[in-house]
């Protein structure tokens, strides 16, 4: 691959790997949400980079990324609302404490 495309893909790969690691290892719902957003942003960077290098005259990757950012913002707002309701019921945002809601 071209060296210039690798300058964008390697940080994106690192961001995605950090997001996966955070998603798997964290027990706090807010930290899990941040890790998920980190993974989504890494994917958005890949959309823009591949669009720029494969189809330089077209804007589909940019439009898809803008759409994905809008969906991610709505998803974050909904997830924070759910986390606030969980905190009100359980008084914690720890995943291990959410099992108390079953009973």
PDB file of N, CA and C in Angstrom:
ATOM      1  N   UNK A   1       0.833  -1.187   0.000  1.00  0.00           N
ATOM      2  CA  UNK A   1       0.000   0.000   0.000  1.00  0.00           C
ATOM      3  C   UNK A   1       0.874   1.246   0.000  1.00  0.00           C
ATOM      4  N   UNK A   2       0.240   2.311  -0.347  1.00  0.00           N
ATOM      5  CA  UNK A   2       0.912   3.595  -0.387  1.00  0.00           C
ATOM      6  C   UNK A   2       1.249   4.056   1.034  1.00  0.00           C
ATOM      7  N   UNK A   3       2.363   4.733   1.166  1.00  0.00           N
ATOM      8  CA  UNK A   3       2.797   5.190   2.489  1.00  0.00           C
ATOM      9  C   UNK A   3       1.843   6.225   3.070  1.00  0.00           C
ATOM     10  N   UNK A   4       1.261   7.078   2.230  1.00  0.00           N
ATOM     11  CA  UNK A   4       0.370   8.108   2.756  1.00  0.00           C
ATOM     12  C   UNK A   4      -0.920   7.517   3.307  1.00  0.00           C
ATOM     13  N   UNK A   5      -1.415   6.461   2.694  1.00  0.00           N
ATOM     14  CA  UNK A   5      -2.637   5.833   3.226  1.00  0.00           C
ATOM     15  C   UNK A   5      -2.348   5.121   4.542  1.00  0.00           C
ATOM     16  N   UNK A   6      -1.146   4.587   4.673  1.00  0.00           N
ATOM     17  CA  UNK A   6      -0.783   3.912   5.918  1.00  0.00           C
ATOM     18  C   UNK A   6      -0.644   4.906   7.077  1.00  0.00           C
ATOM     19  N   UNK A   7      -0.309   6.156   6.770  1.00  0.00           N
ATOM     20  CA  UNK A   7      -0.207   7.167   7.822  1.00  0.00           C
ATOM     21  C   UNK A   7      -1.568   7.444   8.446  1.00  0.00           C
ATOM     22  N   UNK A   8      -2.643   7.174   7.738  1.00  0.00           N
ATOM     23  CA  UNK A   8      -3.990   7.356   8.271  1.00  0.00           C
ATOM     24  C   UNK A   8      -4.563   6.062   8.844  1.00  0.00           C
ATOM     25  N   UNK A   9      -4.230   4.950   8.236  1.00  0.00           N
ATOM     26  CA  UNK A   9      -4.814   3.683   8.665  1.00  0.00           C
ATOM     27  C   UNK A   9      -4.199   3.157   9.961  1.00  0.00           C
ATOM     28  N   UNK A  10      -2.928   3.399  10.190  1.00  0.00           N
ATOM     29  CA  UNK A  10      -2.296   2.903  11.416  1.00  0.00           C
ATOM     30  C   UNK A  10      -2.873   3.586  12.665  1.00  0.00           C
ATOM     31  N   UNK A  11      -3.017   4.922  12.695  1.00  0.00           N
ATOM     32  CA  UNK A  11      -3.685   5.517  13.871  1.00  0.00           C
ATOM     33  C   UNK A  11      -5.132   5.053  14.019  1.00  0.00           C
ATOM     34  N   UNK A  12      -5.802   4.844  12.897  1.00  0.00           N
ATOM     35  CA  UNK A  12      -7.173   4.346  12.962  1.00  0.00           C
ATOM     36  C   UNK A  12      -7.206   2.935  13.553  1.00  0.00           C
ATOM     37  N   UNK A  13      -6.261   2.114  13.174  1.00  0.00           N
ATOM     38  CA  UNK A  13      -6.168   0.768  13.731  1.00  0.00           C
ATOM     39  C   UNK A  13      -5.877   0.816  15.227  1.00  0.00           C
ATOM     40  N   UNK A  14      -4.996   1.709  15.637  1.00  0.00           N
ATOM     41  CA  UNK A  14      -4.679   1.852  17.065  1.00  0.00           C
ATOM     42  C   UNK A  14      -5.910   2.317  17.834  1.00  0.00           C
ATOM     43  N   UNK A  15      -6.648   3.289  17.262  1.00  0.00           N
ATOM     44  CA  UNK A  15      -7.880   3.758  17.911  1.00  0.00           C
ATOM     45  C   UNK A  15      -8.882   2.628  18.065  1.00  0.00           C
ATOM     46  N   UNK A  16      -9.054   1.842  17.005  1.00  0.00           N
ATOM     47  CA  UNK A  16     -10.013   0.746  17.058  1.00  0.00           C
ATOM     48  C   UNK A  16      -9.582  -0.300  18.082  1.00  0.00           C
ATOM     49  N   UNK A  17      -8.289  -0.617  18.112  1.00  0.00           N
ATOM     50  CA  UNK A  17      -7.792  -1.605  19.078  1.00  0.00           C
ATOM     51  C   UNK A  17      -7.973  -1.111  20.517  1.00  0.00           C
ATOM     52  N   UNK A  18      -7.726   0.179  20.752  1.00  0.00           N
ATOM     53  CA  UNK A  18      -7.945   0.737  22.089  1.00  0.00           C
ATOM     54  C   UNK A  18      -9.425   0.680  22.461  1.00  0.00           C
ATOM     55  N   UNK A  19     -10.294   0.925  21.487  1.00  0.00           N
ATOM     56  CA  UNK A  19     -11.725   0.841  21.738  1.00  0.00           C
ATOM     57  C   UNK A  19     -12.171  -0.569  22.075  1.00  0.00           C
ATOM     58  N   UNK A  20     -11.666  -1.550  21.349  1.00  0.00           N
ATOM     59  CA  UNK A  20     -12.008  -2.949  21.631  1.00  0.00           C
ATOM     60  C   UNK A  20     -11.499  -3.354  23.003  1.00  0.00           C
ATOM     61  N   UNK A  21     -10.266  -2.958  23.317  1.00  0.00           N
ATOM     62  CA  UNK A  21      -9.703  -3.286  24.626  1.00  0.00           C
ATOM     63  C   UNK A  21     -10.530  -2.658  25.749  1.00  0.00           C
ATOM     64  N   UNK A  22     -10.888  -1.401  25.582  1.00  0.00           N
ATOM     65  CA  UNK A  22     -11.698  -0.730  26.593  1.00  0.00           C
ATOM     66  C   UNK A  22     -13.082  -1.331  26.722  1.00  0.00           C
ATOM     67  N   UNK A  23     -13.673  -1.725  25.604  1.00  0.00           N
ATOM     68  CA  UNK A  23     -15.004  -2.324  25.626  1.00  0.00           C
ATOM     69  C   UNK A  23     -14.994  -3.663  26.357  1.00  0.00           C
ATOM     70  N   UNK A  24     -13.939  -4.422  26.173  1.00  0.00           N
ATOM     71  CA  UNK A  24     -13.865  -5.754  26.786  1.00  0.00           C
ATOM     72  C   UNK A  24     -13.488  -5.678  28.265  1.00  0.00           C
ATOM     73  N   UNK A  25     -12.594  -4.768  28.625  1.00  0.00           N
ATOM     74  CA  UNK A  25     -12.049  -4.788  29.983  1.00  0.00           C
ATOM     75  C   UNK A  25     -12.778  -3.894  30.982  1.00  0.00           C
ATOM     76  N   UNK A  26     -13.488  -2.902  30.549  1.00  0.00           N
ATOM     77  CA  UNK A  26     -14.121  -1.953  31.473  1.00  0.00           C
ATOM     78  C   UNK A  26     -15.398  -2.509  32.068  1.00  0.00           C
ATOM     79  N   UNK A  27     -15.687  -2.114  33.284  1.00  0.00           N
ATOM     80  CA  UNK A  27     -16.911  -2.514  33.979  1.00  0.00           C
ATOM     81  C   UNK A  27     -17.869  -1.341  34.157  1.00  0.00           C
ATOM     82  N   UNK A  28     -17.409  -0.132  33.845  1.00  0.00           N
ATOM     83  CA  UNK A  28     -18.220   1.068  33.976  1.00  0.00           C
ATOM     84  C   UNK A  28     -18.955   1.306  32.653  1.00  0.00           C
ATOM     85  N   UNK A  29     -20.257   1.566  32.714  1.00  0.00           N
ATOM     86  CA  UNK A  29     -21.032   1.740  31.496  1.00  0.00           C
ATOM     87  C   UNK A  29     -20.590   2.965  30.702  1.00  0.00           C
ATOM     88  N   UNK A  30     -20.198   4.024  31.368  1.00  0.00           N
ATOM     89  CA  UNK A  30     -19.738   5.225  30.671  1.00  0.00           C
ATOM     90  C   UNK A  30     -18.431   4.930  29.925  1.00  0.00           C
ATOM     91  N   UNK A  31     -17.516   4.206  30.543  1.00  0.00           N
ATOM     92  CA  UNK A  31     -16.256   3.848  29.887  1.00  0.00           C
ATOM     93  C   UNK A  31     -16.509   2.934  28.696  1.00  0.00           C
ATOM     94  N   UNK A  32     -17.475   2.042  28.810  1.00  0.00           N
ATOM     95  CA  UNK A  32     -17.823   1.169  27.687  1.00  0.00           C
ATOM     96  C   UNK A  32     -18.393   1.996  26.540  1.00  0.00           C
ATOM     97  N   UNK A  33     -19.221   2.974  26.855  1.00  0.00           N
ATOM     98  CA  UNK A  33     -19.786   3.842  25.822  1.00  0.00           C
ATOM     99  C   UNK A  33     -18.693   4.658  25.134  1.00  0.00           C
ATOM    100  N   UNK A  34     -17.742   5.154  25.892  1.00  0.00           N
ATOM    101  CA  UNK A  34     -16.626   5.899  25.306  1.00  0.00           C
ATOM    102  C   UNK A  34     -15.799   4.992  24.397  1.00  0.00           C
ATOM    103  N   UNK A  35     -15.581   3.763  24.803  1.00  0.00           N
ATOM    104  CA  UNK A  35     -14.834   2.813  23.975  1.00  0.00           C
ATOM    105  C   UNK A  35     -15.579   2.509  22.684  1.00  0.00           C
ATOM    106  N   UNK A  36     -16.874   2.379  22.763  1.00  0.00           N
ATOM    107  CA  UNK A  36     -17.682   2.137  21.571  1.00  0.00           C
ATOM    108  C   UNK A  36     -17.603   3.322  20.615  1.00  0.00           C
ATOM    109  N   UNK A  37     -17.653   4.530  21.149  1.00  0.00           N
ATOM    110  CA  UNK A  37     -17.533   5.721  20.305  1.00  0.00           C
ATOM    111  C   UNK A  37     -16.145   5.811  19.673  1.00  0.00           C
ATOM    112  N   UNK A  38     -15.123   5.383  20.393  1.00  0.00           N
ATOM    113  CA  UNK A  38     -13.771   5.368  19.836  1.00  0.00           C
ATOM    114  C   UNK A  38     -13.687   4.421  18.642  1.00  0.00           C
ATOM    115  N   UNK A  39     -14.322   3.261  18.756  1.00  0.00           N
ATOM    116  CA  UNK A  39     -14.341   2.321  17.637  1.00  0.00           C
ATOM    117  C   UNK A  39     -15.107   2.897  16.442  1.00  0.00           C
ATOM    118  N   UNK A  40     -16.234   3.546  16.697  1.00  0.00           N
ATOM    119  CA  UNK A  40     -17.010   4.134  15.608  1.00  0.00           C
ATOM    120  C   UNK A  40     -16.231   5.249  14.905  1.00  0.00           C
ATOM    121  N   UNK A  41     -15.495   6.047  15.659  1.00  0.00           N
ATOM    122  CA  UNK A  41     -14.687   7.105  15.048  1.00  0.00           C
ATOM    123  C   UNK A  41     -13.542   6.530  14.215  1.00  0.00           C
ATOM    124  N   UNK A  42     -12.969   5.428  14.647  1.00  0.00           N
ATOM    125  CA  UNK A  42     -11.923   4.783  13.860  1.00  0.00           C
ATOM    126  C   UNK A  42     -12.487   4.281  12.536  1.00  0.00           C
ATOM    127  N   UNK A  43     -13.680   3.736  12.551  1.00  0.00           N
ATOM    128  CA  UNK A  43     -14.321   3.275  11.320  1.00  0.00           C
ATOM    129  C   UNK A  43     -14.632   4.463  10.412  1.00  0.00           C
ATOM    130  N   UNK A  44     -15.067   5.570  10.982  1.00  0.00           N
ATOM    131  CA  UNK A  44     -15.345   6.762  10.180  1.00  0.00           C
ATOM    132  C   UNK A  44     -14.080   7.280   9.499  1.00  0.00           C
ATOM    133  N   UNK A  45     -12.962   7.233  10.193  1.00  0.00           N
ATOM    134  CA  UNK A  45     -11.697   7.637   9.581  1.00  0.00           C
ATOM    135  C   UNK A  45     -11.372   6.730   8.403  1.00  0.00           C
ATOM    136  N   UNK A  46     -11.619   5.433   8.553  1.00  0.00           N
ATOM    137  CA  UNK A  46     -11.365   4.513   7.451  1.00  0.00           C
ATOM    138  C   UNK A  46     -12.253   4.813   6.251  1.00  0.00           C
ATOM    139  N   UNK A  47     -13.525   5.138   6.483  1.00  0.00           N
ATOM    140  CA  UNK A  47     -14.412   5.494   5.372  1.00  0.00           C
ATOM    141  C   UNK A  47     -13.860   6.676   4.587  1.00  0.00           C
ATOM    142  N   UNK A  48     -13.433   7.703   5.293  1.00  0.00           N
ATOM    143  CA  UNK A  48     -12.931   8.905   4.627  1.00  0.00           C
ATOM    144  C   UNK A  48     -11.626   8.617   3.897  1.00  0.00           C
ATOM    145  N   UNK A  49     -10.732   7.879   4.529  1.00  0.00           N
ATOM    146  CA  UNK A  49      -9.431   7.598   3.915  1.00  0.00           C
ATOM    147  C   UNK A  49      -9.594   6.759   2.659  1.00  0.00           C
ATOM    148  N   UNK A  50     -10.388   5.708   2.726  1.00  0.00           N
ATOM    149  CA  UNK A  50     -10.558   4.863   1.546  1.00  0.00           C
ATOM    150  C   UNK A  50     -11.295   5.601   0.438  1.00  0.00           C
ATOM    151  N   UNK A  51     -12.243   6.442   0.794  1.00  0.00           N
ATOM    152  CA  UNK A  51     -12.907   7.237  -0.238  1.00  0.00           C
ATOM    153  C   UNK A  51     -11.925   8.199  -0.892  1.00  0.00           C
ATOM    154  N   UNK A  52     -11.099   8.819  -0.095  1.00  0.00           N
ATOM    155  CA  UNK A  52     -10.145   9.805  -0.618  1.00  0.00           C
ATOM    156  C   UNK A  52      -9.117   9.167  -1.543  1.00  0.00           C
ATOM    157  N   UNK A  53      -8.634   7.974  -1.193  1.00  0.00           N
ATOM    158  CA  UNK A  53      -7.571   7.367  -1.981  1.00  0.00           C
ATOM    159  C   UNK A  53      -8.093   6.486  -3.115  1.00  0.00           C
ATOM    160  N   UNK A  54      -9.275   5.892  -2.976  1.00  0.00           N
ATOM    161  CA  UNK A  54      -9.792   5.037  -4.042  1.00  0.00           C
ATOM    162  C   UNK A  54     -10.635   5.799  -5.054  1.00  0.00           C
ATOM    163  N   UNK A  55     -11.421   6.762  -4.581  1.00  0.00           N
ATOM    164  CA  UNK A  55     -12.299   7.536  -5.453  1.00  0.00           C
ATOM    165  C   UNK A  55     -12.132   9.020  -5.118  1.00  0.00           C
ATOM    166  N   UNK A  56     -11.045   9.647  -5.547  1.00  0.00           N
ATOM    167  CA  UNK A  56     -10.745  11.005  -5.097  1.00  0.00           C
ATOM    168  C   UNK A  56     -11.760  12.059  -5.535  1.00  0.00           C
ATOM    169  N   UNK A  57     -12.468  11.867  -6.623  1.00  0.00           N
ATOM    170  CA  UNK A  57     -13.397  12.881  -7.096  1.00  0.00           C
ATOM    171  C   UNK A  57     -14.788  12.755  -6.516  1.00  0.00           C
ATOM    172  N   UNK A  58     -15.053  11.701  -5.765  1.00  0.00           N
ATOM    173  CA  UNK A  58     -16.401  11.455  -5.272  1.00  0.00           C
ATOM    174  C   UNK A  58     -16.466  11.702  -3.771  1.00  0.00           C
ATOM    175  N   UNK A  59     -17.694  11.884  -3.284  1.00  0.00           N
ATOM    176  CA  UNK A  59     -17.879  12.259  -1.879  1.00  0.00           C
ATOM    177  C   UNK A  59     -18.703  11.239  -1.087  1.00  0.00           C
ATOM    178  N   UNK A  60     -18.901  10.035  -1.590  1.00  0.00           N
ATOM    179  CA  UNK A  60     -19.755   9.078  -0.896  1.00  0.00           C
ATOM    180  C   UNK A  60     -19.226   8.711   0.486  1.00  0.00           C
ATOM    181  N   UNK A  61     -17.929   8.540   0.610  1.00  0.00           N
ATOM    182  CA  UNK A  61     -17.345   8.192   1.907  1.00  0.00           C
ATOM    183  C   UNK A  61     -17.536   9.302   2.929  1.00  0.00           C
ATOM    184  N   UNK A  62     -17.429  10.542   2.472  1.00  0.00           N
ATOM    185  CA  UNK A  62     -17.618  11.669   3.376  1.00  0.00           C
ATOM    186  C   UNK A  62     -19.071  11.772   3.824  1.00  0.00           C
ATOM    187  N   UNK A  63     -20.006  11.589   2.878  1.00  0.00           N
ATOM    188  CA  UNK A  63     -21.422  11.651   3.232  1.00  0.00           C
ATOM    189  C   UNK A  63     -21.810  10.509   4.161  1.00  0.00           C
ATOM    190  N   UNK A  64     -21.275   9.326   3.893  1.00  0.00           N
ATOM    191  CA  UNK A  64     -21.565   8.191   4.761  1.00  0.00           C
ATOM    192  C   UNK A  64     -21.006   8.429   6.160  1.00  0.00           C
ATOM    193  N   UNK A  65     -19.834   9.042   6.237  1.00  0.00           N
ATOM    194  CA  UNK A  65     -19.245   9.353   7.532  1.00  0.00           C
ATOM    195  C   UNK A  65     -20.080  10.381   8.290  1.00  0.00           C
ATOM    196  N   UNK A  66     -20.575  11.400   7.586  1.00  0.00           N
ATOM    197  CA  UNK A  66     -21.422  12.404   8.245  1.00  0.00           C
ATOM    198  C   UNK A  66     -22.711  11.758   8.752  1.00  0.00           C
ATOM    199  N   UNK A  67     -23.273  10.861   7.978  1.00  0.00           N
ATOM    200  CA  UNK A  67     -24.468  10.135   8.410  1.00  0.00           C
ATOM    201  C   UNK A  67     -24.152   9.275   9.636  1.00  0.00           C
ATOM    202  N   UNK A  68     -23.003   8.597   9.623  1.00  0.00           N
ATOM    203  CA  UNK A  68     -22.607   7.752  10.753  1.00  0.00           C
ATOM    204  C   UNK A  68     -22.360   8.583  12.007  1.00  0.00           C
ATOM    205  N   UNK A  69     -21.813   9.785  11.855  1.00  0.00           N
ATOM    206  CA  UNK A  69     -21.594  10.660  13.008  1.00  0.00           C
ATOM    207  C   UNK A  69     -22.929  11.089  13.601  1.00  0.00           C
ATOM    208  N   UNK A  70     -23.890  11.403  12.743  1.00  0.00           N
ATOM    209  CA  UNK A  70     -25.228  11.769  13.232  1.00  0.00           C
ATOM    210  C   UNK A  70     -25.903  10.626  13.959  1.00  0.00           C
ATOM    211  N   UNK A  71     -25.807   9.429  13.419  1.00  0.00           N
ATOM    212  CA  UNK A  71     -26.379   8.247  14.079  1.00  0.00           C
ATOM    213  C   UNK A  71     -25.667   7.980  15.402  1.00  0.00           C
ATOM    214  N   UNK A  72     -24.346   8.153  15.429  1.00  0.00           N
ATOM    215  CA  UNK A  72     -23.586   7.939  16.669  1.00  0.00           C
ATOM    216  C   UNK A  72     -23.988   8.949  17.737  1.00  0.00           C
ATOM    217  N   UNK A  73     -24.269  10.181  17.332  1.00  0.00           N
ATOM    218  CA  UNK A  73     -24.697  11.191  18.309  1.00  0.00           C
ATOM    219  C   UNK A  73     -26.052  10.814  18.899  1.00  0.00           C
ATOM    220  N   UNK A  74     -26.974  10.360  18.061  1.00  0.00           N
ATOM    221  CA  UNK A  74     -28.287   9.928  18.563  1.00  0.00           C
ATOM    222  C   UNK A  74     -28.139   8.701  19.461  1.00  0.00           C
ATOM    223  N   UNK A  75     -27.286   7.788  19.077  1.00  0.00           N
ATOM    224  CA  UNK A  75     -27.060   6.573  19.875  1.00  0.00           C
ATOM    225  C   UNK A  75     -26.442   6.926  21.229  1.00  0.00           C
ATOM    226  N   UNK A  76     -25.539   7.891  21.249  1.00  0.00           N
ATOM    227  CA  UNK A  76     -24.925   8.309  22.502  1.00  0.00           C
ATOM    228  C   UNK A  76     -25.945   8.957  23.425  1.00  0.00           C
ATOM    229  N   UNK A  77     -26.798   9.805  22.872  1.00  0.00           N
ATOM    230  CA  UNK A  77     -27.831  10.449  23.689  1.00  0.00           C
ATOM    231  C   UNK A  77     -28.775   9.412  24.290  1.00  0.00           C
ATOM    232  N   UNK A  78     -29.164   8.439  23.500  1.00  0.00           N
ATOM    233  CA  UNK A  78     -30.039   7.378  23.994  1.00  0.00           C
ATOM    234  C   UNK A  78     -29.329   6.522  25.043  1.00  0.00           C
ATOM    235  N   UNK A  79     -28.069   6.184  24.798  1.00  0.00           N
ATOM    236  CA  UNK A  79     -27.324   5.358  25.751  1.00  0.00           C
ATOM    237  C   UNK A  79     -27.123   6.089  27.079  1.00  0.00           C
ATOM    238  N   UNK A  80     -26.860   7.379  27.029  1.00  0.00           N
ATOM    239  CA  UNK A  80     -26.688   8.139  28.276  1.00  0.00           C
ATOM    240  C   UNK A  80     -28.005   8.207  29.038  1.00  0.00           C
ATOM    241  N   UNK A  81     -29.122   8.345  28.323  1.00  0.00           N
ATOM    242  CA  UNK A  81     -30.428   8.337  28.996  1.00  0.00           C
ATOM    243  C   UNK A  81     -30.675   6.997  29.684  1.00  0.00           C
ATOM    244  N   UNK A  82     -30.321   5.912  29.025  1.00  0.00           N
ATOM    245  CA  UNK A  82     -30.479   4.586  29.627  1.00  0.00           C
ATOM    246  C   UNK A  82     -29.561   4.435  30.833  1.00  0.00           C
ATOM    247  N   UNK A  83     -28.333   4.914  30.721  1.00  0.00           N
ATOM    248  CA  UNK A  83     -27.389   4.822  31.839  1.00  0.00           C
ATOM    249  C   UNK A  83     -27.884   5.644  33.031  1.00  0.00           C
ATOM    250  N   UNK A  84     -28.458   6.812  32.779  1.00  0.00           N
ATOM    251  CA  UNK A  84     -29.005   7.624  33.875  1.00  0.00           C
ATOM    252  C   UNK A  84     -30.143   6.884  34.567  1.00  0.00           C
ATOM    253  N   UNK A  85     -31.017   6.233  33.809  1.00  0.00           N
ATOM    254  CA  UNK A  85     -32.101   5.459  34.423  1.00  0.00           C
ATOM    255  C   UNK A  85     -31.582   4.265  35.208  1.00  0.00           C
ATOM    256  N   UNK A  86     -30.547   3.628  34.718  1.00  0.00           N
ATOM    257  CA  UNK A  86     -29.926   2.524  35.462  1.00  0.00           C
ATOM    258  C   UNK A  86     -29.320   3.051  36.752  1.00  0.00           C
ATOM    259  N   UNK A  87     -28.658   4.207  36.692  1.00  0.00           N
ATOM    260  CA  UNK A  87     -28.061   4.780  37.894  1.00  0.00           C
ATOM    261  C   UNK A  87     -29.132   5.125  38.922  1.00  0.00           C
ATOM    262  N   UNK A  88     -30.277   5.625  38.478  1.00  0.00           N
ATOM    263  CA  UNK A  88     -31.357   5.950  39.408  1.00  0.00           C
ATOM    264  C   UNK A  88     -31.903   4.703  40.087  1.00  0.00           C
ATOM    265  N   UNK A  89     -31.935   3.590  39.373  1.00  0.00           N
ATOM    266  CA  UNK A  89     -32.497   2.365  39.950  1.00  0.00           C
ATOM    267  C   UNK A  89     -31.499   1.623  40.832  1.00  0.00           C
ATOM    268  N   UNK A  90     -30.251   1.564  40.408  1.00  0.00           N
ATOM    269  CA  UNK A  90     -29.264   0.722  41.085  1.00  0.00           C
ATOM    270  C   UNK A  90     -28.279   1.536  41.923  1.00  0.00           C
ATOM    271  N   UNK A  91     -28.153   2.834  41.656  1.00  0.00           N
ATOM    272  CA  UNK A  91     -27.192   3.726  42.316  1.00  0.00           C
ATOM    273  C   UNK A  91     -25.746   3.373  41.962  1.00  0.00           C
ATOM    274  N   UNK A  92     -25.568   2.806  40.779  1.00  0.00           N
ATOM    275  CA  UNK A  92     -24.236   2.470  40.298  1.00  0.00           C
ATOM    276  C   UNK A  92     -24.289   2.315  38.781  1.00  0.00           C
ATOM    277  N   UNK A  93     -23.160   2.565  38.124  1.00  0.00           N
ATOM    278  CA  UNK A  93     -23.065   2.315  36.687  1.00  0.00           C
ATOM    279  C   UNK A  93     -22.084   1.177  36.405  1.00  0.00           C
ATOM    280  N   UNK A  94     -21.862   0.353  37.414  1.00  0.00           N
ATOM    281  CA  UNK A  94     -20.995  -0.806  37.281  1.00  0.00           C
ATOM    282  C   UNK A  94     -21.806  -1.968  36.715  1.00  0.00           C
ATOM    283  N   UNK A  95     -21.248  -2.668  35.761  1.00  0.00           N
ATOM    284  CA  UNK A  95     -21.969  -3.768  35.110  1.00  0.00           C
ATOM    285  C   UNK A  95     -22.311  -4.875  36.100  1.00  0.00           C
ATOM    286  N   UNK A  96     -21.433  -5.102  37.050  1.00  0.00           N
ATOM    287  CA  UNK A  96     -21.694  -6.179  38.012  1.00  0.00           C
ATOM    288  C   UNK A  96     -22.903  -5.884  38.889  1.00  0.00           C
ATOM    289  N   UNK A  97     -23.242  -4.621  39.058  1.00  0.00           N
ATOM    290  CA  UNK A  97     -24.374  -4.242  39.892  1.00  0.00           C
ATOM    291  C   UNK A  97     -25.716  -4.274  39.139  1.00  0.00           C
ATOM    292  N   UNK A  98     -25.659  -4.351  37.842  1.00  0.00           N
ATOM    293  CA  UNK A  98     -26.900  -4.320  37.043  1.00  0.00           C
ATOM    294  C   UNK A  98     -27.689  -5.605  37.226  1.00  0.00           C
ATOM    295  N   UNK A  99     -27.062  -6.679  37.621  1.00  0.00           N
ATOM    296  CA  UNK A  99     -27.784  -7.930  37.863  1.00  0.00           C
ATOM    297  C   UNK A  99     -28.828  -7.769  38.954  1.00  0.00           C
ATOM    298  N   UNK A 100     -28.688  -6.766  39.820  1.00  0.00           N
ATOM    299  CA  UNK A 100     -29.680  -6.512  40.863  1.00  0.00           C
ATOM    300  C   UNK A 100     -31.024  -6.096  40.271  1.00  0.00           C
ATOM    301  N   UNK A 101     -31.014  -5.560  39.056  1.00  0.00           N
ATOM    302  CA  UNK A 101     -32.263  -5.116  38.433  1.00  0.00           C
ATOM    303  C   UNK A 101     -33.152  -6.277  38.041  1.00  0.00           C
ATOM    304  N   UNK A 102     -32.602  -7.472  37.944  1.00  0.00           N
ATOM    305  CA  UNK A 102     -33.406  -8.634  37.560  1.00  0.00           C
ATOM    306  C   UNK A 102     -34.400  -9.019  38.626  1.00  0.00           C
ATOM    307  N   UNK A 103     -34.105  -8.709  39.876  1.00  0.00           N
ATOM    308  CA  UNK A 103     -34.940  -9.197  40.962  1.00  0.00           C
ATOM    309  C   UNK A 103     -35.789  -8.105  41.542  1.00  0.00           C
TER     310      UNK A 103
END
